[in-house]
Amino acid sequence: MFVQESLIRNWSHAICTIAIETKKVEEFLNTAKDLNQIFKNNTELVEFLSNKSFNVETRIKVIDNIFAKKIDQNIVNALKLLVVRDLARGVRHIVKQMIKDLLLETNTVQGVVYSIDALDPSIIKKIETKLSTKIEKKVILDNIIDKELIAGIRVELAGKKYDSSIQGKALDMRRKVMKNRK
């Protein structure tokens, strides 16, 4: 079953509204990130929650057993409602939209810093601080290892790329040479 984009946005908006009203935006954002990883790494959980062969009560008990004491009750209730309304297949899409909406609410931008090795958290913090002052928003960066980079780093943030890798500099030189040939 495919979940419509409007349903995804509506569910996300409803949960984000609860986060704002209860003044738990940061908590909901962290929970949404954790849920995204849980549902990404455990596709069988999503399959189980959306499987009509099991009765609704059983699926709701599983949600309670997994999440009840670990995350906010409002989010647990939303997950239960998704099961009851037969929308569990779209839970990852809804969680991803929640993350986007909550980041927007907190004036935060999430991006990726690519490097050949794992970066020290202090270096990532420095990059986040520099970019925060540049774009005047809070920046959160995830470090992804890219063995194709020769050296240096590449940052993708809010649709823009900041490339200070050897690979990026080589591509820039190539473009300039090709442009000058014409």
N, C-alpha and C. Protein backbone atom coordinates (compact mmCIF):
# COMPACT_ATOMS: atom_id res chain seq x y z
N MET A 1 0.84 -1.18 0.00
CA MET A 1 0.00 0.00 0.00
C MET A 1 0.88 1.25 0.00
N PHE A 2 0.56 2.16 -0.84
CA PHE A 2 1.31 3.41 -0.95
C PHE A 2 0.60 4.48 -0.12
N VAL A 3 1.35 5.18 0.71
CA VAL A 3 0.78 6.24 1.54
C VAL A 3 0.91 7.56 0.79
N GLN A 4 -0.20 8.28 0.67
CA GLN A 4 -0.21 9.53 -0.08
C GLN A 4 0.64 10.60 0.61
N GLU A 5 1.21 11.46 -0.22
CA GLU A 5 2.05 12.55 0.28
C GLU A 5 1.28 13.46 1.24
N SER A 6 0.02 13.71 0.95
CA SER A 6 -0.77 14.59 1.82
C SER A 6 -0.97 13.94 3.20
N LEU A 7 -1.16 12.63 3.24
CA LEU A 7 -1.29 11.94 4.52
C LEU A 7 0.01 12.02 5.32
N ILE A 8 1.12 11.86 4.63
CA ILE A 8 2.43 11.94 5.29
C ILE A 8 2.59 13.32 5.92
N ARG A 9 2.30 14.35 5.14
CA ARG A 9 2.45 15.73 5.65
C ARG A 9 1.48 16.00 6.80
N ASN A 10 0.24 15.52 6.68
CA ASN A 10 -0.75 15.75 7.73
C ASN A 10 -0.35 15.09 9.05
N TRP A 11 0.09 13.84 8.98
CA TRP A 11 0.52 13.14 10.19
C TRP A 11 1.73 13.84 10.80
N SER A 12 2.68 14.20 9.97
CA SER A 12 3.87 14.89 10.46
C SER A 12 3.49 16.21 11.11
N HIS A 13 2.62 16.96 10.45
CA HIS A 13 2.19 18.25 10.98
C HIS A 13 1.50 18.08 12.34
N ALA A 14 0.66 17.07 12.45
CA ALA A 14 -0.05 16.83 13.71
C ALA A 14 0.92 16.52 14.85
N ILE A 15 1.88 15.65 14.58
CA ILE A 15 2.85 15.28 15.61
C ILE A 15 3.75 16.47 15.96
N CYS A 16 4.14 17.25 14.96
CA CYS A 16 4.97 18.44 15.21
C CYS A 16 4.20 19.48 16.01
N THR A 17 2.92 19.61 15.76
CA THR A 17 2.09 20.54 16.52
C THR A 17 2.07 20.14 17.99
N ILE A 18 1.96 18.85 18.25
CA ILE A 18 2.00 18.36 19.64
C ILE A 18 3.36 18.68 20.26
N ALA A 19 4.42 18.50 19.50
CA ALA A 19 5.77 18.80 20.01
C ALA A 19 5.89 20.27 20.39
N ILE A 20 5.35 21.14 19.55
CA ILE A 20 5.43 22.58 19.82
C ILE A 20 4.58 22.94 21.03
N GLU A 21 3.36 22.41 21.09
CA GLU A 21 2.45 22.73 22.20
C GLU A 21 2.99 22.24 23.54
N THR A 22 3.65 21.09 23.54
CA THR A 22 4.19 20.54 24.78
C THR A 22 5.62 21.00 25.05
N LYS A 23 6.14 21.85 24.15
CA LYS A 23 7.49 22.39 24.26
C LYS A 23 8.55 21.28 24.35
N LYS A 24 8.38 20.28 23.48
CA LYS A 24 9.31 19.15 23.44
C LYS A 24 9.86 18.96 22.03
N VAL A 25 10.12 20.04 21.34
CA VAL A 25 10.56 19.95 19.95
C VAL A 25 11.88 19.19 19.83
N GLU A 26 12.86 19.54 20.66
CA GLU A 26 14.16 18.87 20.61
C GLU A 26 14.03 17.38 20.93
N GLU A 27 13.24 17.07 21.95
CA GLU A 27 13.03 15.67 22.33
C GLU A 27 12.37 14.89 21.19
N PHE A 28 11.34 15.48 20.57
CA PHE A 28 10.66 14.82 19.46
C PHE A 28 11.60 14.66 18.27
N LEU A 29 12.46 15.65 18.04
CA LEU A 29 13.42 15.57 16.93
C LEU A 29 14.39 14.41 17.15
N ASN A 30 14.94 14.31 18.35
CA ASN A 30 15.86 13.21 18.65
C ASN A 30 15.16 11.86 18.55
N THR A 31 13.93 11.80 19.04
CA THR A 31 13.15 10.56 18.95
C THR A 31 12.88 10.19 17.50
N ALA A 32 12.53 11.18 16.69
CA ALA A 32 12.25 10.92 15.27
C ALA A 32 13.49 10.39 14.57
N LYS A 33 14.66 10.94 14.89
CA LYS A 33 15.91 10.43 14.29
C LYS A 33 16.15 8.99 14.70
N ASP A 34 15.92 8.68 15.98
CA ASP A 34 16.09 7.31 16.46
C ASP A 34 15.09 6.37 15.78
N LEU A 35 13.84 6.80 15.68
CA LEU A 35 12.82 5.97 15.03
C LEU A 35 13.16 5.72 13.57
N ASN A 36 13.69 6.73 12.91
CA ASN A 36 14.08 6.57 11.51
C ASN A 36 15.11 5.45 11.37
N GLN A 37 16.10 5.46 12.26
CA GLN A 37 17.12 4.41 12.24
C GLN A 37 16.53 3.04 12.58
N ILE A 38 15.66 3.01 13.58
CA ILE A 38 15.04 1.74 13.98
C ILE A 38 14.25 1.14 12.82
N PHE A 39 13.41 1.95 12.18
CA PHE A 39 12.59 1.42 11.09
C PHE A 39 13.41 1.14 9.84
N LYS A 40 14.51 1.87 9.67
CA LYS A 40 15.39 1.62 8.52
C LYS A 40 16.13 0.28 8.69
N ASN A 41 16.62 0.04 9.90
CA ASN A 41 17.40 -1.17 10.17
C ASN A 41 16.55 -2.40 10.45
N ASN A 42 15.27 -2.21 10.75
CA ASN A 42 14.39 -3.32 11.10
C ASN A 42 13.14 -3.30 10.22
N THR A 43 13.33 -3.56 8.96
CA THR A 43 12.18 -3.53 8.03
C THR A 43 11.14 -4.58 8.40
N GLU A 44 11.57 -5.65 9.07
CA GLU A 44 10.60 -6.67 9.48
C GLU A 44 9.63 -6.13 10.52
N LEU A 45 10.04 -5.14 11.30
CA LEU A 45 9.14 -4.51 12.26
C LEU A 45 8.02 -3.79 11.52
N VAL A 46 8.37 -3.05 10.49
CA VAL A 46 7.36 -2.35 9.69
C VAL A 46 6.44 -3.37 9.02
N GLU A 47 7.02 -4.45 8.52
CA GLU A 47 6.21 -5.51 7.89
C GLU A 47 5.23 -6.10 8.90
N PHE A 48 5.71 -6.35 10.12
CA PHE A 48 4.83 -6.90 11.16
C PHE A 48 3.71 -5.93 11.51
N LEU A 49 4.07 -4.66 11.71
CA LEU A 49 3.06 -3.67 12.11
C LEU A 49 2.01 -3.45 11.03
N SER A 50 2.36 -3.70 9.78
CA SER A 50 1.40 -3.50 8.69
C SER A 50 0.74 -4.80 8.24
N ASN A 51 1.09 -5.92 8.87
CA ASN A 51 0.56 -7.23 8.49
C ASN A 51 -0.81 -7.45 9.13
N LYS A 52 -1.84 -7.56 8.30
CA LYS A 52 -3.20 -7.73 8.80
C LYS A 52 -3.48 -9.15 9.28
N SER A 53 -2.53 -10.06 9.08
CA SER A 53 -2.70 -11.44 9.57
C SER A 53 -2.70 -11.47 11.10
N PHE A 54 -2.01 -10.51 11.71
CA PHE A 54 -2.00 -10.38 13.16
C PHE A 54 -3.06 -9.35 13.54
N ASN A 55 -3.78 -9.63 14.63
CA ASN A 55 -4.82 -8.67 15.01
C ASN A 55 -4.20 -7.37 15.52
N VAL A 56 -4.99 -6.33 15.52
CA VAL A 56 -4.52 -4.98 15.87
C VAL A 56 -3.98 -4.94 17.30
N GLU A 57 -4.65 -5.64 18.21
CA GLU A 57 -4.23 -5.63 19.62
C GLU A 57 -2.81 -6.18 19.77
N THR A 58 -2.50 -7.23 19.04
CA THR A 58 -1.16 -7.83 19.10
C THR A 58 -0.12 -6.84 18.60
N ARG A 59 -0.41 -6.17 17.50
CA ARG A 59 0.53 -5.21 16.94
C ARG A 59 0.72 -4.02 17.87
N ILE A 60 -0.35 -3.60 18.52
CA ILE A 60 -0.26 -2.48 19.47
C ILE A 60 0.55 -2.88 20.70
N LYS A 61 0.39 -4.14 21.16
CA LYS A 61 1.19 -4.62 22.30
C LYS A 61 2.67 -4.59 21.96
N VAL A 62 3.01 -4.94 20.74
CA VAL A 62 4.42 -4.90 20.32
C VAL A 62 4.95 -3.47 20.39
N ILE A 63 4.16 -2.51 19.94
CA ILE A 63 4.57 -1.10 20.03
C ILE A 63 4.80 -0.72 21.49
N ASP A 64 3.86 -1.12 22.37
CA ASP A 64 4.02 -0.82 23.79
C ASP A 64 5.28 -1.46 24.36
N ASN A 65 5.50 -2.73 24.02
CA ASN A 65 6.67 -3.44 24.54
C ASN A 65 7.98 -2.81 24.09
N ILE A 66 8.02 -2.34 22.86
CA ILE A 66 9.26 -1.77 22.32
C ILE A 66 9.47 -0.33 22.76
N PHE A 67 8.41 0.49 22.69
CA PHE A 67 8.59 1.94 22.81
C PHE A 67 8.02 2.60 24.06
N ALA A 68 7.06 1.99 24.75
CA ALA A 68 6.28 2.69 25.78
C ALA A 68 7.12 3.39 26.84
N LYS A 69 8.15 2.76 27.34
CA LYS A 69 8.93 3.37 28.42
C LYS A 69 10.13 4.16 27.92
N LYS A 70 10.33 4.17 26.60
CA LYS A 70 11.53 4.80 26.05
C LYS A 70 11.28 6.13 25.36
N ILE A 71 10.10 6.32 24.80
CA ILE A 71 9.82 7.56 24.07
C ILE A 71 8.53 8.20 24.59
N ASP A 72 8.32 9.45 24.22
CA ASP A 72 7.16 10.21 24.65
C ASP A 72 5.86 9.47 24.30
N GLN A 73 4.92 9.50 25.23
CA GLN A 73 3.66 8.78 25.05
C GLN A 73 2.87 9.29 23.84
N ASN A 74 3.00 10.56 23.51
CA ASN A 74 2.30 11.09 22.34
C ASN A 74 2.77 10.42 21.05
N ILE A 75 4.07 10.16 20.96
CA ILE A 75 4.60 9.49 19.77
C ILE A 75 4.18 8.02 19.76
N VAL A 76 4.19 7.39 20.93
CA VAL A 76 3.71 6.00 21.03
C VAL A 76 2.26 5.92 20.56
N ASN A 77 1.44 6.86 21.02
CA ASN A 77 0.03 6.87 20.62
C ASN A 77 -0.12 7.09 19.12
N ALA A 78 0.72 7.94 18.55
CA ALA A 78 0.68 8.17 17.10
C ALA A 78 1.03 6.89 16.35
N LEU A 79 2.04 6.16 16.83
CA LEU A 79 2.41 4.89 16.20
C LEU A 79 1.26 3.89 16.27
N LYS A 80 0.58 3.86 17.42
CA LYS A 80 -0.58 2.97 17.57
C LYS A 80 -1.68 3.35 16.58
N LEU A 81 -1.93 4.64 16.47
CA LEU A 81 -2.96 5.10 15.52
C LEU A 81 -2.61 4.74 14.08
N LEU A 82 -1.34 4.81 13.75
CA LEU A 82 -0.91 4.41 12.40
C LEU A 82 -1.24 2.94 12.14
N VAL A 83 -1.06 2.11 13.15
CA VAL A 83 -1.40 0.69 13.01
C VAL A 83 -2.91 0.52 12.87
N VAL A 84 -3.67 1.18 13.74
CA VAL A 84 -5.14 1.06 13.70
C VAL A 84 -5.69 1.53 12.36
N ARG A 85 -5.14 2.60 11.83
CA ARG A 85 -5.65 3.16 10.57
C ARG A 85 -5.01 2.52 9.34
N ASP A 86 -4.23 1.48 9.55
CA ASP A 86 -3.58 0.73 8.48
C ASP A 86 -2.63 1.60 7.65
N LEU A 87 -1.84 2.41 8.34
CA LEU A 87 -0.87 3.28 7.68
C LEU A 87 0.56 2.97 8.12
N ALA A 88 0.76 1.81 8.74
CA ALA A 88 2.09 1.47 9.28
C ALA A 88 3.15 1.38 8.19
N ARG A 89 2.77 1.05 6.97
CA ARG A 89 3.75 0.97 5.87
C ARG A 89 4.40 2.33 5.61
N GLY A 90 3.70 3.40 5.91
CA GLY A 90 4.24 4.73 5.65
C GLY A 90 4.94 5.36 6.84
N VAL A 91 5.19 4.57 7.88
CA VAL A 91 5.76 5.14 9.10
C VAL A 91 7.12 5.79 8.86
N ARG A 92 7.96 5.19 8.03
CA ARG A 92 9.28 5.81 7.77
C ARG A 92 9.15 7.13 7.04
N HIS A 93 8.23 7.20 6.09
CA HIS A 93 8.02 8.45 5.36
C HIS A 93 7.51 9.54 6.31
N ILE A 94 6.62 9.15 7.21
CA ILE A 94 6.08 10.11 8.17
C ILE A 94 7.18 10.59 9.12
N VAL A 95 8.01 9.67 9.58
CA VAL A 95 9.11 10.03 10.49
C VAL A 95 10.11 10.94 9.79
N LYS A 96 10.43 10.65 8.53
CA LYS A 96 11.35 11.52 7.78
C LYS A 96 10.77 12.92 7.63
N GLN A 97 9.47 13.01 7.34
CA GLN A 97 8.83 14.32 7.21
C GLN A 97 8.82 15.03 8.56
N MET A 98 8.62 14.28 9.64
CA MET A 98 8.68 14.88 10.99
C MET A 98 10.04 15.51 11.23
N ILE A 99 11.09 14.80 10.85
CA ILE A 99 12.45 15.33 11.04
C ILE A 99 12.61 16.64 10.28
N LYS A 100 12.16 16.66 9.02
CA LYS A 100 12.26 17.89 8.22
C LYS A 100 11.48 19.02 8.87
N ASP A 101 10.25 18.74 9.30
CA ASP A 101 9.40 19.78 9.89
C ASP A 101 9.97 20.29 11.22
N LEU A 102 10.48 19.38 12.04
CA LEU A 102 11.03 19.79 13.33
C LEU A 102 12.34 20.56 13.17
N LEU A 103 13.14 20.17 12.18
CA LEU A 103 14.36 20.94 11.90
C LEU A 103 14.01 22.35 11.46
N LEU A 104 12.99 22.47 10.63
CA LEU A 104 12.53 23.77 10.18
C LEU A 104 12.05 24.61 11.36
N GLU A 105 11.35 23.98 12.27
CA GLU A 105 10.82 24.66 13.45
C GLU A 105 11.94 25.18 14.35
N THR A 106 13.06 24.45 14.41
CA THR A 106 14.17 24.85 15.28
C THR A 106 15.22 25.67 14.54
N ASN A 107 14.91 26.10 13.31
CA ASN A 107 15.84 26.89 12.50
C ASN A 107 17.17 26.15 12.34
N THR A 108 17.06 24.87 12.03
CA THR A 108 18.23 24.00 11.91
C THR A 108 18.28 23.40 10.52
N VAL A 109 19.50 23.21 10.02
CA VAL A 109 19.71 22.57 8.73
C VAL A 109 20.58 21.34 8.96
N GLN A 110 20.20 20.22 8.37
CA GLN A 110 20.99 19.01 8.49
C GLN A 110 21.73 18.77 7.20
N GLY A 111 22.98 18.35 7.33
CA GLY A 111 23.80 18.10 6.15
C GLY A 111 24.73 16.93 6.37
N VAL A 112 25.59 16.73 5.39
CA VAL A 112 26.53 15.61 5.42
C VAL A 112 27.93 16.13 5.13
N VAL A 113 28.90 15.65 5.89
CA VAL A 113 30.30 15.94 5.60
C VAL A 113 30.94 14.61 5.19
N TYR A 114 31.46 14.59 3.97
CA TYR A 114 32.12 13.40 3.43
C TYR A 114 33.61 13.51 3.67
N SER A 115 34.22 12.41 4.08
CA SER A 115 35.67 12.38 4.29
C SER A 115 36.17 10.96 4.01
N ILE A 116 37.48 10.82 3.87
CA ILE A 116 38.03 9.48 3.60
C ILE A 116 38.12 8.64 4.86
N ASP A 117 38.22 9.29 6.02
CA ASP A 117 38.24 8.61 7.32
C ASP A 117 37.21 9.28 8.22
N ALA A 118 36.85 8.61 9.31
CA ALA A 118 35.93 9.20 10.27
C ALA A 118 36.56 10.45 10.88
N LEU A 119 35.81 11.54 10.90
CA LEU A 119 36.31 12.80 11.46
C LEU A 119 36.11 12.82 12.97
N ASP A 120 37.03 13.46 13.65
CA ASP A 120 36.92 13.67 15.09
C ASP A 120 35.70 14.56 15.35
N PRO A 121 34.92 14.27 16.38
CA PRO A 121 33.74 15.10 16.68
C PRO A 121 34.06 16.58 16.87
N SER A 122 35.25 16.90 17.38
CA SER A 122 35.62 18.31 17.56
C SER A 122 35.79 19.01 16.21
N ILE A 123 36.29 18.29 15.22
CA ILE A 123 36.43 18.87 13.87
C ILE A 123 35.06 19.10 13.26
N ILE A 124 34.16 18.13 13.44
CA ILE A 124 32.80 18.28 12.92
C ILE A 124 32.14 19.49 13.57
N LYS A 125 32.34 19.65 14.89
CA LYS A 125 31.77 20.81 15.60
C LYS A 125 32.29 22.13 15.03
N LYS A 126 33.59 22.19 14.72
CA LYS A 126 34.16 23.41 14.15
C LYS A 126 33.54 23.72 12.78
N ILE A 127 33.37 22.68 11.97
CA ILE A 127 32.76 22.87 10.64
C ILE A 127 31.32 23.34 10.81
N GLU A 128 30.59 22.73 11.75
CA GLU A 128 29.20 23.13 12.01
C GLU A 128 29.13 24.59 12.44
N THR A 129 30.05 25.00 13.32
CA THR A 129 30.07 26.38 13.82
C THR A 129 30.33 27.36 12.68
N LYS A 130 31.32 27.05 11.84
CA LYS A 130 31.63 27.94 10.71
C LYS A 130 30.45 28.07 9.76
N LEU A 131 29.85 26.94 9.42
CA LEU A 131 28.72 26.98 8.50
C LEU A 131 27.50 27.65 9.13
N SER A 132 27.34 27.48 10.45
CA SER A 132 26.23 28.13 11.15
C SER A 132 26.30 29.64 11.03
N THR A 133 27.50 30.19 11.20
CA THR A 133 27.64 31.64 11.08
C THR A 133 27.45 32.09 9.64
N LYS A 134 27.84 31.24 8.69
CA LYS A 134 27.71 31.59 7.28
C LYS A 134 26.25 31.64 6.83
N ILE A 135 25.46 30.63 7.23
CA ILE A 135 24.06 30.58 6.76
C ILE A 135 23.07 31.07 7.80
N GLU A 136 23.56 31.44 8.97
CA GLU A 136 22.75 31.98 10.06
C GLU A 136 21.64 31.02 10.50
N LYS A 137 21.97 29.75 10.55
CA LYS A 137 21.08 28.72 11.08
C LYS A 137 21.95 27.71 11.81
N LYS A 138 21.33 26.99 12.73
CA LYS A 138 22.05 25.92 13.40
C LYS A 138 22.30 24.80 12.39
N VAL A 139 23.50 24.23 12.41
CA VAL A 139 23.87 23.19 11.46
C VAL A 139 24.19 21.90 12.21
N ILE A 140 23.65 20.80 11.71
CA ILE A 140 23.96 19.46 12.22
C ILE A 140 24.52 18.67 11.05
N LEU A 141 25.73 18.14 11.23
CA LEU A 141 26.38 17.38 10.16
C LEU A 141 26.57 15.92 10.56
N ASP A 142 26.30 15.03 9.63
CA ASP A 142 26.60 13.61 9.78
C ASP A 142 27.85 13.32 8.96
N ASN A 143 28.75 12.54 9.51
CA ASN A 143 29.98 12.18 8.81
C ASN A 143 29.79 10.87 8.05
N ILE A 144 30.02 10.91 6.74
CA ILE A 144 29.95 9.72 5.90
C ILE A 144 31.31 9.51 5.25
N ILE A 145 31.76 8.27 5.30
CA ILE A 145 33.06 7.92 4.72
C ILE A 145 32.88 7.73 3.21
N ASP A 146 33.71 8.43 2.44
CA ASP A 146 33.70 8.32 0.97
C ASP A 146 35.12 8.04 0.53
N LYS A 147 35.39 6.79 0.20
CA LYS A 147 36.75 6.38 -0.18
C LYS A 147 37.17 6.94 -1.54
N GLU A 148 36.23 7.48 -2.31
CA GLU A 148 36.57 8.04 -3.61
C GLU A 148 37.20 9.42 -3.51
N LEU A 149 37.00 10.09 -2.37
CA LEU A 149 37.69 11.36 -2.16
C LEU A 149 39.18 11.07 -2.03
N ILE A 150 40.00 11.90 -2.61
CA ILE A 150 41.44 11.67 -2.52
C ILE A 150 41.96 12.19 -1.18
N ALA A 151 41.58 13.38 -0.81
CA ALA A 151 41.94 13.96 0.48
C ALA A 151 41.00 15.13 0.72
N GLY A 152 40.89 15.58 1.95
CA GLY A 152 40.03 16.71 2.25
C GLY A 152 38.62 16.27 2.59
N ILE A 153 37.69 17.24 2.55
CA ILE A 153 36.30 16.97 2.88
C ILE A 153 35.37 17.62 1.86
N ARG A 154 34.15 17.11 1.82
CA ARG A 154 33.10 17.72 1.00
C ARG A 154 31.85 17.79 1.89
N VAL A 155 31.22 18.96 1.93
CA VAL A 155 30.04 19.16 2.75
C VAL A 155 28.86 19.45 1.83
N GLU A 156 27.75 18.75 2.06
CA GLU A 156 26.51 19.03 1.36
C GLU A 156 25.51 19.50 2.40
N LEU A 157 24.98 20.71 2.18
CA LEU A 157 24.13 21.34 3.17
C LEU A 157 23.11 22.22 2.47
N ALA A 158 21.86 21.99 2.73
CA ALA A 158 20.77 22.81 2.20
C ALA A 158 20.86 22.98 0.68
N GLY A 159 21.14 21.89 -0.01
CA GLY A 159 21.20 21.94 -1.47
C GLY A 159 22.47 22.52 -2.05
N LYS A 160 23.41 22.88 -1.20
CA LYS A 160 24.68 23.44 -1.68
C LYS A 160 25.82 22.50 -1.33
N LYS A 161 26.87 22.56 -2.15
CA LYS A 161 28.05 21.73 -1.90
C LYS A 161 29.24 22.63 -1.64
N TYR A 162 29.96 22.32 -0.58
CA TYR A 162 31.20 23.00 -0.25
C TYR A 162 32.29 21.94 -0.36
N ASP A 163 33.13 22.06 -1.38
CA ASP A 163 34.09 21.00 -1.67
C ASP A 163 35.51 21.50 -1.47
N SER A 164 36.20 20.92 -0.51
CA SER A 164 37.62 21.25 -0.32
C SER A 164 38.45 19.98 -0.40
N SER A 165 37.99 19.06 -1.23
CA SER A 165 38.74 17.81 -1.42
C SER A 165 39.64 17.95 -2.64
N ILE A 166 40.65 17.12 -2.72
CA ILE A 166 41.54 17.11 -3.89
C ILE A 166 40.74 16.75 -5.14
N GLN A 167 39.81 15.81 -4.97
CA GLN A 167 38.97 15.40 -6.09
C GLN A 167 38.17 16.59 -6.63
N GLY A 168 37.60 17.39 -5.73
CA GLY A 168 36.84 18.57 -6.14
C GLY A 168 37.70 19.61 -6.83
N LYS A 169 38.89 19.81 -6.30
CA LYS A 169 39.80 20.79 -6.91
C LYS A 169 40.24 20.32 -8.30
N ALA A 170 40.47 19.02 -8.46
CA ALA A 170 40.83 18.47 -9.78
C ALA A 170 39.69 18.66 -10.78
N LEU A 171 38.47 18.45 -10.33
CA LEU A 171 37.31 18.67 -11.21
C LEU A 171 37.18 20.13 -11.61
N ASP A 172 37.42 21.03 -10.65
CA ASP A 172 37.38 22.47 -10.96
C ASP A 172 38.43 22.84 -11.99
N MET A 173 39.65 22.32 -11.82
CA MET A 173 40.71 22.61 -12.79
C MET A 173 40.33 22.06 -14.17
N ARG A 174 39.76 20.89 -14.21
CA ARG A 174 39.36 20.29 -15.48
C ARG A 174 38.31 21.15 -16.18
N ARG A 175 37.33 21.62 -15.41
CA ARG A 175 36.29 22.49 -15.98
C ARG A 175 36.88 23.78 -16.55
N LYS A 176 37.82 24.36 -15.82
CA LYS A 176 38.45 25.60 -16.28
C LYS A 176 39.25 25.37 -17.56
N VAL A 177 39.97 24.26 -17.62
CA VAL A 177 40.74 23.94 -18.82
C VAL A 177 39.80 23.74 -20.00
N MET A 178 38.72 22.99 -19.79
CA MET A 178 37.76 22.74 -20.87
C MET A 178 37.09 24.04 -21.32
N LYS A 179 36.82 24.92 -20.38
CA LYS A 179 36.18 26.20 -20.70
C LYS A 179 37.13 27.08 -21.51
N ASN A 180 38.41 27.07 -21.15
CA ASN A 180 39.40 27.89 -21.85
C ASN A 180 39.72 27.36 -23.24
N ARG A 181 39.47 26.09 -23.49
CA ARG A 181 39.72 25.51 -24.81
C ARG A 181 38.75 26.05 -25.85
N LYS A 182 37.58 26.40 -25.43
CA LYS A 182 36.54 26.83 -26.37
C LYS A 182 36.77 28.18 -26.92
